[in-house]
Amino acid sequence: MTSTYPVGADWGPLLKRAFTERHTPGRPLTTAQRRFLSAIVDNDEYWSGVANPLLWFGDAGLPHNRESLRTLVSAT
């Protein structure tokens, strides 16, 4: 995983694979999903203000901002 710019050819497809079903509030994350999202949350390169990841997060039913993702990861 690199940054927000190549999301379509890099970690976006991995996110889609990790969330084959849209995430719904209240449903716990699997261990693999939690680890994957933690890697995204912990990488400053993903949060440079580029909108490329928004569609990928939306398609997976995930929040678009870092703090909301951090909360989701730590809640499960």
PDB file of N, CA and C in Angstrom:
ATOM      1  N   MET A   1       0.845  -1.170   0.000  1.00  0.00           N
ATOM      2  CA  MET A   1       0.000   0.000   0.000  1.00  0.00           C
ATOM      3  C   MET A   1       0.889   1.232   0.000  1.00  0.00           C
ATOM      4  N   THR A   2       0.506   2.187  -0.805  1.00  0.00           N
ATOM      5  CA  THR A   2       1.370   3.341  -0.967  1.00  0.00           C
ATOM      6  C   THR A   2       0.752   4.644  -0.491  1.00  0.00           C
ATOM      7  N   SER A   3      -0.220   5.186  -1.215  1.00  0.00           N
ATOM      8  CA  SER A   3      -0.806   6.475  -0.851  1.00  0.00           C
ATOM      9  C   SER A   3      -2.235   6.551  -1.378  1.00  0.00           C
ATOM     10  N   THR A   4      -2.818   7.755  -1.332  1.00  0.00           N
ATOM     11  CA  THR A   4      -4.182   7.925  -1.839  1.00  0.00           C
ATOM     12  C   THR A   4      -4.229   8.001  -3.353  1.00  0.00           C
ATOM     13  N   TYR A   5      -3.159   8.397  -3.994  1.00  0.00           N
ATOM     14  CA  TYR A   5      -3.190   8.612  -5.437  1.00  0.00           C
ATOM     15  C   TYR A   5      -3.453   7.345  -6.251  1.00  0.00           C
ATOM     16  N   PRO A   6      -2.772   6.229  -5.986  1.00  0.00           N
ATOM     17  CA  PRO A   6      -3.023   5.033  -6.803  1.00  0.00           C
ATOM     18  C   PRO A   6      -4.060   4.087  -6.208  1.00  0.00           C
ATOM     19  N   VAL A   7      -4.994   4.607  -5.441  1.00  0.00           N
ATOM     20  CA  VAL A   7      -5.945   3.750  -4.741  1.00  0.00           C
ATOM     21  C   VAL A   7      -6.668   2.791  -5.685  1.00  0.00           C
ATOM     22  N   GLY A   8      -6.981   3.208  -6.897  1.00  0.00           N
ATOM     23  CA  GLY A   8      -7.709   2.358  -7.836  1.00  0.00           C
ATOM     24  C   GLY A   8      -6.945   1.138  -8.285  1.00  0.00           C
ATOM     25  N   ALA A   9      -5.614   1.232  -8.276  1.00  0.00           N
ATOM     26  CA  ALA A   9      -4.789   0.108  -8.708  1.00  0.00           C
ATOM     27  C   ALA A   9      -4.022  -0.517  -7.549  1.00  0.00           C
ATOM     28  N   ASP A  10      -4.204   0.028  -6.379  1.00  0.00           N
ATOM     29  CA  ASP A  10      -3.403  -0.406  -5.242  1.00  0.00           C
ATOM     30  C   ASP A  10      -4.314  -0.973  -4.151  1.00  0.00           C
ATOM     31  N   TRP A  11      -4.631  -0.202  -3.140  1.00  0.00           N
ATOM     32  CA  TRP A  11      -5.362  -0.759  -2.004  1.00  0.00           C
ATOM     33  C   TRP A  11      -6.872  -0.701  -2.134  1.00  0.00           C
ATOM     34  N   GLY A  12      -7.415   0.023  -3.093  1.00  0.00           N
ATOM     35  CA  GLY A  12      -8.867   0.049  -3.301  1.00  0.00           C
ATOM     36  C   GLY A  12      -9.434  -1.327  -3.620  1.00  0.00           C
ATOM     37  N   PRO A  13      -8.850  -2.036  -4.596  1.00  0.00           N
ATOM     38  CA  PRO A  13      -9.343  -3.385  -4.876  1.00  0.00           C
ATOM     39  C   PRO A  13      -9.196  -4.341  -3.683  1.00  0.00           C
ATOM     40  N   LEU A  14      -8.155  -4.142  -2.873  1.00  0.00           N
ATOM     41  CA  LEU A  14      -7.991  -4.968  -1.672  1.00  0.00           C
ATOM     42  C   LEU A  14      -9.097  -4.664  -0.665  1.00  0.00           C
ATOM     43  N   LEU A  15      -9.462  -3.392  -0.555  1.00  0.00           N
ATOM     44  CA  LEU A  15     -10.553  -3.000   0.330  1.00  0.00           C
ATOM     45  C   LEU A  15     -11.863  -3.636  -0.132  1.00  0.00           C
ATOM     46  N   LYS A  16     -12.083  -3.604  -1.432  1.00  0.00           N
ATOM     47  CA  LYS A  16     -13.297  -4.216  -1.983  1.00  0.00           C
ATOM     48  C   LYS A  16     -13.334  -5.716  -1.691  1.00  0.00           C
ATOM     49  N   ARG A  17     -12.200  -6.348  -1.780  1.00  0.00           N
ATOM     50  CA  ARG A  17     -12.110  -7.786  -1.506  1.00  0.00           C
ATOM     51  C   ARG A  17     -12.338  -8.077  -0.014  1.00  0.00           C
ATOM     52  N   ALA A  18     -11.834  -7.191   0.834  1.00  0.00           N
ATOM     53  CA  ALA A  18     -12.003  -7.371   2.279  1.00  0.00           C
ATOM     54  C   ALA A  18     -13.450  -7.153   2.712  1.00  0.00           C
ATOM     55  N   PHE A  19     -14.178  -6.319   1.952  1.00  0.00           N
ATOM     56  CA  PHE A  19     -15.570  -6.017   2.282  1.00  0.00           C
ATOM     57  C   PHE A  19     -16.461  -6.430   1.103  1.00  0.00           C
ATOM     58  N   THR A  20     -16.547  -7.742   0.884  1.00  0.00           N
ATOM     59  CA  THR A  20     -17.376  -8.243  -0.209  1.00  0.00           C
ATOM     60  C   THR A  20     -18.842  -7.911   0.021  1.00  0.00           C
ATOM     61  N   GLU A  21     -19.222  -7.771   1.296  1.00  0.00           N
ATOM     62  CA  GLU A  21     -20.543  -7.263   1.667  1.00  0.00           C
ATOM     63  C   GLU A  21     -20.338  -5.912   2.319  1.00  0.00           C
ATOM     64  N   ARG A  22     -21.212  -4.954   1.977  1.00  0.00           N
ATOM     65  CA  ARG A  22     -21.118  -3.628   2.598  1.00  0.00           C
ATOM     66  C   ARG A  22     -21.165  -3.747   4.107  1.00  0.00           C
ATOM     67  N   HIS A  23     -20.296  -3.011   4.751  1.00  0.00           N
ATOM     68  CA  HIS A  23     -20.319  -2.980   6.211  1.00  0.00           C
ATOM     69  C   HIS A  23     -21.556  -2.217   6.665  1.00  0.00           C
ATOM     70  N   THR A  24     -22.206  -2.738   7.672  1.00  0.00           N
ATOM     71  CA  THR A  24     -23.358  -2.060   8.249  1.00  0.00           C
ATOM     72  C   THR A  24     -23.059  -1.761   9.715  1.00  0.00           C
ATOM     73  N   PRO A  25     -23.522  -0.612  10.203  1.00  0.00           N
ATOM     74  CA  PRO A  25     -23.274  -0.258  11.606  1.00  0.00           C
ATOM     75  C   PRO A  25     -23.763  -1.349  12.544  1.00  0.00           C
ATOM     76  N   GLY A  26     -22.966  -1.614  13.561  1.00  0.00           N
ATOM     77  CA  GLY A  26     -23.318  -2.628  14.534  1.00  0.00           C
ATOM     78  C   GLY A  26     -22.755  -4.003  14.228  1.00  0.00           C
ATOM     79  N   ARG A  27     -22.381  -4.241  12.980  1.00  0.00           N
ATOM     80  CA  ARG A  27     -21.795  -5.537  12.646  1.00  0.00           C
ATOM     81  C   ARG A  27     -20.295  -5.482  12.920  1.00  0.00           C
ATOM     82  N   PRO A  28     -19.788  -6.401  13.722  1.00  0.00           N
ATOM     83  CA  PRO A  28     -18.354  -6.352  14.038  1.00  0.00           C
ATOM     84  C   PRO A  28     -17.493  -6.662  12.821  1.00  0.00           C
ATOM     85  N   LEU A  29     -16.319  -6.084  12.825  1.00  0.00           N
ATOM     86  CA  LEU A  29     -15.340  -6.369  11.777  1.00  0.00           C
ATOM     87  C   LEU A  29     -14.685  -7.709  12.052  1.00  0.00           C
ATOM     88  N   THR A  30     -14.264  -8.377  10.987  1.00  0.00           N
ATOM     89  CA  THR A  30     -13.462  -9.579  11.166  1.00  0.00           C
ATOM     90  C   THR A  30     -12.050  -9.144  11.559  1.00  0.00           C
ATOM     91  N   THR A  31     -11.258 -10.074  12.013  1.00  0.00           N
ATOM     92  CA  THR A  31      -9.865  -9.766  12.362  1.00  0.00           C
ATOM     93  C   THR A  31      -9.119  -9.237  11.143  1.00  0.00           C
ATOM     94  N   ALA A  32      -9.319  -9.848  10.000  1.00  0.00           N
ATOM     95  CA  ALA A  32      -8.635  -9.399   8.772  1.00  0.00           C
ATOM     96  C   ALA A  32      -9.075  -7.989   8.383  1.00  0.00           C
ATOM     97  N   GLN A  33     -10.357  -7.709   8.465  1.00  0.00           N
ATOM     98  CA  GLN A  33     -10.851  -6.368   8.141  1.00  0.00           C
ATOM     99  C   GLN A  33     -10.270  -5.334   9.098  1.00  0.00           C
ATOM    100  N   ARG A  34     -10.231  -5.655  10.372  1.00  0.00           N
ATOM    101  CA  ARG A  34      -9.688  -4.733  11.372  1.00  0.00           C
ATOM    102  C   ARG A  34      -8.217  -4.450  11.107  1.00  0.00           C
ATOM    103  N   ARG A  35      -7.447  -5.477  10.806  1.00  0.00           N
ATOM    104  CA  ARG A  35      -6.016  -5.290  10.514  1.00  0.00           C
ATOM    105  C   ARG A  35      -5.814  -4.446   9.262  1.00  0.00           C
ATOM    106  N   PHE A  36      -6.595  -4.710   8.246  1.00  0.00           N
ATOM    107  CA  PHE A  36      -6.473  -3.963   6.987  1.00  0.00           C
ATOM    108  C   PHE A  36      -6.807  -2.491   7.215  1.00  0.00           C
ATOM    109  N   LEU A  37      -7.925  -2.223   7.874  1.00  0.00           N
ATOM    110  CA  LEU A  37      -8.304  -0.839   8.137  1.00  0.00           C
ATOM    111  C   LEU A  37      -7.308  -0.151   9.070  1.00  0.00           C
ATOM    112  N   SER A  38      -6.732  -0.884  10.004  1.00  0.00           N
ATOM    113  CA  SER A  38      -5.710  -0.308  10.882  1.00  0.00           C
ATOM    114  C   SER A  38      -4.502   0.161  10.072  1.00  0.00           C
ATOM    115  N   ALA A  39      -4.116  -0.617   9.087  1.00  0.00           N
ATOM    116  CA  ALA A  39      -2.990  -0.221   8.238  1.00  0.00           C
ATOM    117  C   ALA A  39      -3.300   1.075   7.494  1.00  0.00           C
ATOM    118  N   ILE A  40      -4.535   1.235   7.057  1.00  0.00           N
ATOM    119  CA  ILE A  40      -4.939   2.466   6.365  1.00  0.00           C
ATOM    120  C   ILE A  40      -4.966   3.638   7.346  1.00  0.00           C
ATOM    121  N   VAL A  41      -5.583   3.428   8.502  1.00  0.00           N
ATOM    122  CA  VAL A  41      -5.695   4.489   9.507  1.00  0.00           C
ATOM    123  C   VAL A  41      -4.313   4.952   9.973  1.00  0.00           C
ATOM    124  N   ASP A  42      -3.389   4.033  10.127  1.00  0.00           N
ATOM    125  CA  ASP A  42      -2.068   4.355  10.668  1.00  0.00           C
ATOM    126  C   ASP A  42      -1.101   4.965   9.650  1.00  0.00           C
ATOM    127  N   ASN A  43      -1.469   4.966   8.379  1.00  0.00           N
ATOM    128  CA  ASN A  43      -0.567   5.467   7.343  1.00  0.00           C
ATOM    129  C   ASN A  43      -0.917   6.912   6.978  1.00  0.00           C
ATOM    130  N   ASP A  44      -0.063   7.837   7.349  1.00  0.00           N
ATOM    131  CA  ASP A  44      -0.293   9.260   7.068  1.00  0.00           C
ATOM    132  C   ASP A  44      -0.442   9.561   5.580  1.00  0.00           C
ATOM    133  N   GLU A  45       0.159   8.756   4.729  1.00  0.00           N
ATOM    134  CA  GLU A  45       0.111   8.982   3.285  1.00  0.00           C
ATOM    135  C   GLU A  45      -1.312   8.896   2.711  1.00  0.00           C
ATOM    136  N   TYR A  46      -2.210   8.201   3.409  1.00  0.00           N
ATOM    137  CA  TYR A  46      -3.581   8.051   2.913  1.00  0.00           C
ATOM    138  C   TYR A  46      -4.461   9.241   3.203  1.00  0.00           C
ATOM    139  N   TRP A  47      -3.990  10.143   4.005  1.00  0.00           N
ATOM    140  CA  TRP A  47      -4.832  11.224   4.490  1.00  0.00           C
ATOM    141  C   TRP A  47      -4.321  12.578   4.037  1.00  0.00           C
ATOM    142  N   SER A  48      -3.891  12.652   2.793  1.00  0.00           N
ATOM    143  CA  SER A  48      -3.306  13.883   2.250  1.00  0.00           C
ATOM    144  C   SER A  48      -4.339  14.819   1.634  1.00  0.00           C
ATOM    145  N   GLY A  49      -5.618  14.510   1.782  1.00  0.00           N
ATOM    146  CA  GLY A  49      -6.654  15.386   1.251  1.00  0.00           C
ATOM    147  C   GLY A  49      -7.102  15.059  -0.165  1.00  0.00           C
ATOM    148  N   VAL A  50      -6.627  13.964  -0.715  1.00  0.00           N
ATOM    149  CA  VAL A  50      -7.031  13.547  -2.048  1.00  0.00           C
ATOM    150  C   VAL A  50      -8.335  12.760  -1.932  1.00  0.00           C
ATOM    151  N   ALA A  51      -9.270  13.013  -2.836  1.00  0.00           N
ATOM    152  CA  ALA A  51     -10.592  12.390  -2.757  1.00  0.00           C
ATOM    153  C   ALA A  51     -10.653  10.984  -3.349  1.00  0.00           C
ATOM    154  N   ASN A  52      -9.586  10.488  -3.915  1.00  0.00           N
ATOM    155  CA  ASN A  52      -9.611   9.186  -4.583  1.00  0.00           C
ATOM    156  C   ASN A  52     -10.219   8.058  -3.755  1.00  0.00           C
ATOM    157  N   PRO A  53      -9.945   7.950  -2.455  1.00  0.00           N
ATOM    158  CA  PRO A  53     -10.482   6.818  -1.683  1.00  0.00           C
ATOM    159  C   PRO A  53     -11.965   6.912  -1.340  1.00  0.00           C
ATOM    160  N   LEU A  54     -12.593   8.066  -1.477  1.00  0.00           N
ATOM    161  CA  LEU A  54     -13.968   8.231  -1.014  1.00  0.00           C
ATOM    162  C   LEU A  54     -14.926   7.221  -1.616  1.00  0.00           C
ATOM    163  N   LEU A  55     -14.835   6.981  -2.901  1.00  0.00           N
ATOM    164  CA  LEU A  55     -15.727   6.006  -3.538  1.00  0.00           C
ATOM    165  C   LEU A  55     -15.497   4.595  -3.002  1.00  0.00           C
ATOM    166  N   TRP A  56     -14.242   4.261  -2.775  1.00  0.00           N
ATOM    167  CA  TRP A  56     -13.927   2.926  -2.271  1.00  0.00           C
ATOM    168  C   TRP A  56     -14.490   2.726  -0.870  1.00  0.00           C
ATOM    169  N   PHE A  57     -14.303   3.719  -0.008  1.00  0.00           N
ATOM    170  CA  PHE A  57     -14.864   3.628   1.336  1.00  0.00           C
ATOM    171  C   PHE A  57     -16.393   3.572   1.280  1.00  0.00           C
ATOM    172  N   GLY A  58     -16.989   4.415   0.449  1.00  0.00           N
ATOM    173  CA  GLY A  58     -18.447   4.438   0.320  1.00  0.00           C
ATOM    174  C   GLY A  58     -19.003   3.115  -0.164  1.00  0.00           C
ATOM    175  N   ASP A  59     -18.369   2.520  -1.155  1.00  0.00           N
ATOM    176  CA  ASP A  59     -18.820   1.228  -1.677  1.00  0.00           C
ATOM    177  C   ASP A  59     -18.746   0.124  -0.616  1.00  0.00           C
ATOM    178  N   ALA A  60     -17.780   0.259   0.293  1.00  0.00           N
ATOM    179  CA  ALA A  60     -17.617  -0.750   1.345  1.00  0.00           C
ATOM    180  C   ALA A  60     -18.510  -0.467   2.551  1.00  0.00           C
ATOM    181  N   GLY A  61     -19.220   0.675   2.533  1.00  0.00           N
ATOM    182  CA  GLY A  61     -20.072   1.034   3.658  1.00  0.00           C
ATOM    183  C   GLY A  61     -19.285   1.565   4.849  1.00  0.00           C
ATOM    184  N   LEU A  62     -18.126   2.131   4.569  1.00  0.00           N
ATOM    185  CA  LEU A  62     -17.235   2.609   5.624  1.00  0.00           C
ATOM    186  C   LEU A  62     -17.223   4.131   5.685  1.00  0.00           C
ATOM    187  N   PRO A  63     -16.899   4.679   6.853  1.00  0.00           N
ATOM    188  CA  PRO A  63     -16.775   6.135   6.951  1.00  0.00           C
ATOM    189  C   PRO A  63     -15.600   6.634   6.117  1.00  0.00           C
ATOM    190  N   HIS A  64     -15.686   7.896   5.722  1.00  0.00           N
ATOM    191  CA  HIS A  64     -14.669   8.472   4.836  1.00  0.00           C
ATOM    192  C   HIS A  64     -13.531   9.163   5.558  1.00  0.00           C
ATOM    193  N   ASN A  65     -13.680   9.395   6.841  1.00  0.00           N
ATOM    194  CA  ASN A  65     -12.615  10.146   7.506  1.00  0.00           C
ATOM    195  C   ASN A  65     -11.844   9.269   8.484  1.00  0.00           C
ATOM    196  N   ARG A  66     -10.628   9.703   8.735  1.00  0.00           N
ATOM    197  CA  ARG A  66      -9.684   8.923   9.519  1.00  0.00           C
ATOM    198  C   ARG A  66     -10.164   8.641  10.942  1.00  0.00           C
ATOM    199  N   GLU A  67     -10.658   9.647  11.626  1.00  0.00           N
ATOM    200  CA  GLU A  67     -11.071   9.453  13.014  1.00  0.00           C
ATOM    201  C   GLU A  67     -12.250   8.487  13.125  1.00  0.00           C
ATOM    202  N   SER A  68     -13.185   8.573  12.192  1.00  0.00           N
ATOM    203  CA  SER A  68     -14.323   7.639  12.210  1.00  0.00           C
ATOM    204  C   SER A  68     -13.860   6.209  11.950  1.00  0.00           C
ATOM    205  N   LEU A  69     -12.917   6.042  11.027  1.00  0.00           N
ATOM    206  CA  LEU A  69     -12.364   4.712  10.776  1.00  0.00           C
ATOM    207  C   LEU A  69     -11.602   4.207  12.001  1.00  0.00           C
ATOM    208  N   ARG A  70     -10.834   5.089  12.630  1.00  0.00           N
ATOM    209  CA  ARG A  70     -10.089   4.714  13.838  1.00  0.00           C
ATOM    210  C   ARG A  70     -11.058   4.232  14.927  1.00  0.00           C
ATOM    211  N   THR A  71     -12.160   4.942  15.090  1.00  0.00           N
ATOM    212  CA  THR A  71     -13.171   4.554  16.077  1.00  0.00           C
ATOM    213  C   THR A  71     -13.753   3.191  15.738  1.00  0.00           C
ATOM    214  N   LEU A  72     -14.072   2.977  14.459  1.00  0.00           N
ATOM    215  CA  LEU A  72     -14.627   1.699  14.029  1.00  0.00           C
ATOM    216  C   LEU A  72     -13.651   0.555  14.310  1.00  0.00           C
ATOM    217  N   VAL A  73     -12.393   0.752  13.992  1.00  0.00           N
ATOM    218  CA  VAL A  73     -11.384  -0.274  14.195  1.00  0.00           C
ATOM    219  C   VAL A  73     -11.207  -0.583  15.676  1.00  0.00           C
ATOM    220  N   SER A  74     -11.214   0.428  16.505  1.00  0.00           N
ATOM    221  CA  SER A  74     -10.982   0.203  17.932  1.00  0.00           C
ATOM    222  C   SER A  74     -12.225  -0.315  18.663  1.00  0.00           C
ATOM    223  N   ALA A  75     -13.398  -0.167  18.042  1.00  0.00           N
ATOM    224  CA  ALA A  75     -14.644  -0.588  18.686  1.00  0.00           C
ATOM    225  C   ALA A  75     -14.897  -2.085  18.545  1.00  0.00           C
ATOM    226  N   THR A  76     -14.199  -2.727  17.654  1.00  0.00           N
ATOM    227  CA  THR A  76     -14.480  -4.150  17.438  1.00  0.00           C
ATOM    228  C   THR A  76     -13.358  -5.017  17.925  1.00  0.00           C
TER     229      THR A  76
END
